[in-house]
Amino acid sequence: MLLSGPRSEGAHSARELAAEALRQGWRVSLFLAGDGTVHAGSMAPLREAGARVVHCSADAAVRGWDRPGTPGRGSFVDLGGLASDADRVLVL
């Protein structure tokens, strides 16, 4: 789960950890919430590499970042599903 906004190391850390996990064959899901929704576009390469990347469209809309039609639009209901399927959960 990524909550970190544009001026933090959270997005870089999430991207690198997820990319390495994918290279090692792990199943990777990433949920973007709050200020972390600003990174929806920059996480597209992870989605293309096989990760499930979902962002809270309500959080993005409140911040003026929501783009209808963007892949991965979702809600905290999706987070519940991702968390229940996960072996491990990291929050950045």
Protein backbone atom coordinates (compact mmCIF):
# COMPACT_ATOMS: atom_id res chain seq x y z
CA MET A 1 0.00 0.00 0.00
CA LEU A 2 1.40 3.37 -0.99
CA LEU A 3 0.23 6.48 0.85
CA SER A 4 3.29 8.64 0.18
CA GLY A 5 2.85 11.71 -1.97
CA PRO A 6 5.01 13.22 -4.69
CA ARG A 7 7.80 14.52 -2.46
CA SER A 8 8.84 11.31 -0.74
CA GLU A 9 10.87 8.17 -1.26
CA GLY A 10 7.80 5.95 -0.85
CA ALA A 11 6.98 5.65 -4.54
CA HIS A 12 10.57 4.82 -5.48
CA SER A 13 10.77 2.21 -2.71
CA ALA A 14 7.42 0.66 -3.69
CA ARG A 15 8.37 0.55 -7.36
CA GLU A 16 11.76 -1.06 -6.71
CA LEU A 17 10.47 -3.60 -4.17
CA ALA A 18 7.59 -4.59 -6.44
CA ALA A 19 9.82 -4.86 -9.53
CA GLU A 20 12.28 -7.11 -7.71
CA ALA A 21 9.49 -9.28 -6.32
CA LEU A 22 8.10 -9.71 -9.84
CA ARG A 23 11.56 -10.65 -11.15
CA GLN A 24 11.75 -13.32 -8.43
CA GLY A 25 8.37 -14.72 -9.44
CA TRP A 26 6.22 -13.37 -6.61
CA ARG A 27 2.63 -12.29 -7.15
CA VAL A 28 2.53 -8.51 -6.53
CA SER A 29 -0.41 -6.21 -5.80
CA LEU A 30 -0.11 -2.51 -5.04
CA PHE A 31 -2.88 -0.28 -3.72
CA LEU A 32 -2.46 3.50 -3.95
CA ALA A 33 -4.41 5.64 -1.48
CA GLY A 34 -4.45 9.22 -0.28
CA ASP A 35 -1.57 11.25 -1.68
CA GLY A 36 -0.16 8.01 -3.11
CA THR A 37 -2.78 8.14 -5.86
CA VAL A 38 -0.63 10.73 -7.63
CA HIS A 39 1.67 7.84 -8.63
CA ALA A 40 -0.95 5.87 -10.60
CA GLY A 41 0.67 6.74 -13.93
CA SER A 42 4.24 6.06 -12.85
CA MET A 43 3.27 2.58 -11.60
CA ALA A 44 2.02 1.52 -15.06
CA PRO A 45 5.26 -0.39 -15.83
CA LEU A 46 4.56 -2.61 -12.83
CA ARG A 47 1.08 -3.35 -14.18
CA GLU A 48 2.60 -4.16 -17.58
CA ALA A 49 5.07 -6.50 -15.85
CA GLY A 50 2.22 -8.43 -14.21
CA ALA A 51 1.48 -6.63 -10.95
CA ARG A 52 -2.06 -5.75 -9.95
CA VAL A 53 -2.02 -1.97 -9.37
CA VAL A 54 -5.20 -0.37 -8.03
CA HIS A 55 -5.75 3.21 -6.88
CA CYS A 56 -8.60 4.69 -4.88
CA SER A 57 -10.45 6.81 -7.42
CA ALA A 58 -12.29 8.73 -4.66
CA ASP A 59 -8.98 9.76 -3.06
CA ALA A 60 -7.62 10.77 -6.46
CA ALA A 61 -10.79 12.76 -7.27
CA VAL A 62 -10.61 14.74 -4.03
CA ARG A 63 -7.06 15.72 -4.95
CA GLY A 64 -7.93 16.54 -8.57
CA TRP A 65 -5.87 13.65 -9.95
CA ASP A 66 -8.60 11.20 -11.00
CA ARG A 67 -8.73 10.42 -14.70
CA PRO A 68 -11.79 8.37 -15.78
CA GLY A 69 -10.73 5.48 -17.96
CA THR A 70 -7.37 5.11 -16.21
CA PRO A 71 -6.53 1.42 -15.65
CA GLY A 72 -6.67 0.35 -12.02
CA ARG A 73 -9.40 2.68 -10.76
CA GLY A 74 -10.90 1.18 -7.63
CA SER A 75 -11.80 1.74 -4.00
CA PHE A 76 -10.99 0.59 -0.49
CA VAL A 77 -13.20 -2.43 -1.18
CA ASP A 78 -10.43 -3.56 -3.54
CA LEU A 79 -7.87 -3.04 -0.77
CA GLY A 80 -9.79 -5.48 1.41
CA GLY A 81 -9.56 -8.13 -1.29
CA LEU A 82 -5.89 -7.47 -1.94
CA ALA A 83 -5.05 -7.61 1.78
CA SER A 84 -6.98 -10.83 2.38
CA ASP A 85 -5.15 -12.50 -0.54
CA ALA A 86 -1.71 -11.26 0.54
CA ASP A 87 1.01 -13.23 2.29
CA ARG A 88 2.62 -9.96 3.37
CA VAL A 89 1.50 -6.31 3.44
CA LEU A 90 3.83 -3.30 3.38
CA VAL A 91 2.65 0.27 3.90
CA LEU A 92 4.81 3.07 2.49
